[in-house]
Amino acid sequence: MILTCIDHVAIAVHDLDTAIAFYERAFGATVTHRETIEFDGVDEAMLQVADSYIQLLSATRDDSPVGKFLKKHGEGLHHVGYRVADCAAAFESMVSAGAIGIDPAPRPGARGSTIAFMHPKGSFGTLIELVQE
């Protein structure tokens, strides 16, 4: 089995601080990691739930993938992150199975991870992020 667990469920939001406050009030959740990722044009907040996370994302620029998503779809579920032991091997396995890589190869991600995004057209309508910690 290449997948080790669900790393995170990512939710695109217009206002990150408002979304964080909601999760604090509704669930007693706290932010365990917060980071701006310039390459992807996002601010993220990670709220830990057992061994996984809820990732809240807001765009830092309108032309970022999350900015475009928010403009087209509004707030909501953006992608699912699957934790893997070897991002390169998981990427190749998915491509061999018919998935379409958005990233040409794994690259550095948040929290010092290695990541790769897979296009929804090749994975049954779901944007997938592979995450190696």
Protein backbone atom coordinates (compact mmCIF):
# COMPACT_ATOMS: atom_id res chain seq x y z
CA MET A 1 0.00 0.00 0.00
CA ILE A 2 1.52 3.30 -1.12
CA LEU A 3 -0.84 5.50 0.93
CA THR A 4 -0.04 5.70 4.62
CA CYS A 5 -2.97 7.90 5.73
CA ILE A 6 -5.03 10.91 4.81
CA ASP A 7 -2.70 13.82 5.50
CA HIS A 8 -5.26 16.59 5.17
CA VAL A 9 -8.51 17.82 3.73
CA ALA A 10 -8.04 21.29 2.22
CA ILE A 11 -10.79 23.89 2.31
CA ALA A 12 -10.54 27.10 0.30
CA VAL A 13 -11.79 30.19 2.15
CA HIS A 14 -11.94 33.89 1.41
CA ASP A 15 -10.86 35.02 4.88
CA LEU A 16 -8.40 32.76 6.68
CA ASP A 17 -8.70 34.44 10.09
CA THR A 18 -12.51 34.20 10.02
CA ALA A 19 -12.33 30.52 9.07
CA ILE A 20 -9.81 29.81 11.84
CA ALA A 21 -12.04 31.56 14.36
CA PHE A 22 -15.02 29.44 13.23
CA TYR A 23 -13.10 26.17 13.68
CA GLU A 24 -11.91 27.35 17.10
CA ARG A 25 -15.49 28.15 18.19
CA ALA A 26 -17.19 25.16 16.58
CA PHE A 27 -14.68 22.42 17.36
CA GLY A 28 -12.16 23.81 19.84
CA ALA A 29 -9.53 23.30 17.14
CA THR A 30 -6.23 25.17 17.26
CA VAL A 31 -3.77 26.05 14.55
CA THR A 32 -0.68 23.86 14.76
CA HIS A 33 1.04 25.37 11.72
CA ARG A 34 0.55 28.52 9.67
CA GLU A 35 2.53 29.47 6.59
CA THR A 36 2.46 31.60 3.45
CA ILE A 37 3.56 29.62 0.41
CA GLU A 38 4.58 32.19 -2.18
CA PHE A 39 5.06 29.64 -4.99
CA ASP A 40 1.41 28.53 -4.73
CA GLY A 41 0.04 31.97 -3.80
CA VAL A 42 -1.65 30.78 -0.61
CA ASP A 43 -1.82 31.36 3.11
CA GLU A 44 -2.48 28.12 4.95
CA ALA A 45 -3.46 27.16 8.45
CA MET A 46 -3.23 23.55 9.60
CA LEU A 47 -5.55 22.35 12.35
CA GLN A 48 -4.58 18.92 13.66
CA VAL A 49 -7.23 16.22 14.02
CA ALA A 50 -5.63 13.02 15.40
CA ASP A 51 -2.90 12.14 12.89
CA SER A 52 -4.38 14.26 10.08
CA TYR A 53 -5.17 17.91 9.43
CA ILE A 54 -7.83 20.27 8.22
CA GLN A 55 -5.98 22.69 5.95
CA LEU A 56 -7.61 26.09 5.51
CA LEU A 57 -6.36 27.94 2.41
CA SER A 58 -6.81 31.52 1.28
CA ALA A 59 -5.33 33.09 -1.84
CA THR A 60 -2.58 35.68 -1.64
CA ARG A 61 -3.16 36.59 -5.29
CA ASP A 62 -6.12 36.26 -7.64
CA ASP A 63 -4.16 34.30 -10.28
CA SER A 64 -3.13 31.53 -7.87
CA PRO A 65 -4.83 28.13 -8.13
CA VAL A 66 -6.80 28.81 -4.93
CA GLY A 67 -7.67 32.34 -6.11
CA LYS A 68 -9.02 30.94 -9.38
CA PHE A 69 -10.89 28.20 -7.51
CA LEU A 70 -12.55 30.70 -5.17
CA LYS A 71 -13.59 32.90 -8.08
CA LYS A 72 -15.09 29.98 -10.03
CA HIS A 73 -16.54 27.81 -7.24
CA GLY A 74 -16.59 29.89 -4.07
CA GLU A 75 -15.52 28.54 -0.71
CA GLY A 76 -15.41 24.82 -0.11
CA LEU A 77 -13.52 21.58 -0.43
CA HIS A 78 -10.42 22.15 -2.58
CA HIS A 79 -8.39 18.93 -2.42
CA VAL A 80 -7.45 15.85 -0.43
CA GLY A 81 -3.86 15.28 0.67
CA TYR A 82 -2.69 11.69 0.89
CA ARG A 83 0.39 10.96 2.98
CA VAL A 84 2.90 8.67 1.29
CA ALA A 85 6.27 7.27 2.31
CA ASP A 86 7.88 8.08 -1.06
CA CYS A 87 6.36 10.93 -3.07
CA ALA A 88 8.30 10.13 -6.24
CA ALA A 89 7.23 6.47 -6.19
CA ALA A 90 3.60 7.41 -5.47
CA PHE A 91 3.67 9.99 -8.29
CA GLU A 92 5.00 7.41 -10.76
CA SER A 93 2.47 4.83 -9.58
CA MET A 94 -0.41 7.25 -10.11
CA VAL A 95 0.82 8.31 -13.56
CA SER A 96 1.24 4.64 -14.52
CA ALA A 97 -2.36 4.04 -13.42
CA GLY A 98 -3.60 6.89 -15.67
CA ALA A 99 -3.46 9.92 -13.38
CA ILE A 100 -2.27 13.27 -14.71
CA GLY A 101 0.41 15.14 -12.82
CA ILE A 102 -0.02 18.89 -12.43
CA ASP A 103 3.51 19.09 -11.10
CA PRO A 104 6.00 17.50 -13.50
CA ALA A 105 7.72 15.89 -10.50
CA PRO A 106 7.57 16.10 -6.70
CA ARG A 107 8.65 19.45 -5.23
CA PRO A 108 9.15 21.11 -1.83
CA GLY A 109 5.93 21.85 0.09
CA ALA A 110 4.80 23.30 3.41
CA ARG A 111 6.14 22.02 6.73
CA GLY A 112 9.32 20.83 5.00
CA SER A 113 7.38 18.18 3.09
CA THR A 114 7.73 16.91 -0.47
CA ILE A 115 4.52 17.18 -2.50
CA ALA A 116 3.02 16.61 -5.93
CA PHE A 117 -0.44 17.56 -7.19
CA MET A 118 -2.49 15.31 -9.47
CA HIS A 119 -5.14 16.76 -11.81
CA PRO A 120 -8.80 15.98 -11.08
CA LYS A 121 -9.34 14.89 -14.72
CA GLY A 122 -7.18 11.82 -14.10
CA SER A 123 -8.44 10.98 -10.61
CA PHE A 124 -12.24 10.87 -10.77
CA GLY A 125 -12.81 14.58 -10.26
CA THR A 126 -10.66 14.95 -7.15
CA LEU A 127 -7.60 17.18 -6.92
CA ILE A 128 -5.06 15.04 -5.07
CA GLU A 129 -1.94 16.17 -3.26
CA LEU A 130 0.67 13.56 -2.44
CA VAL A 131 2.53 14.48 0.77
CA GLN A 132 5.78 12.98 2.03
CA GLU A 133 6.86 14.22 5.45
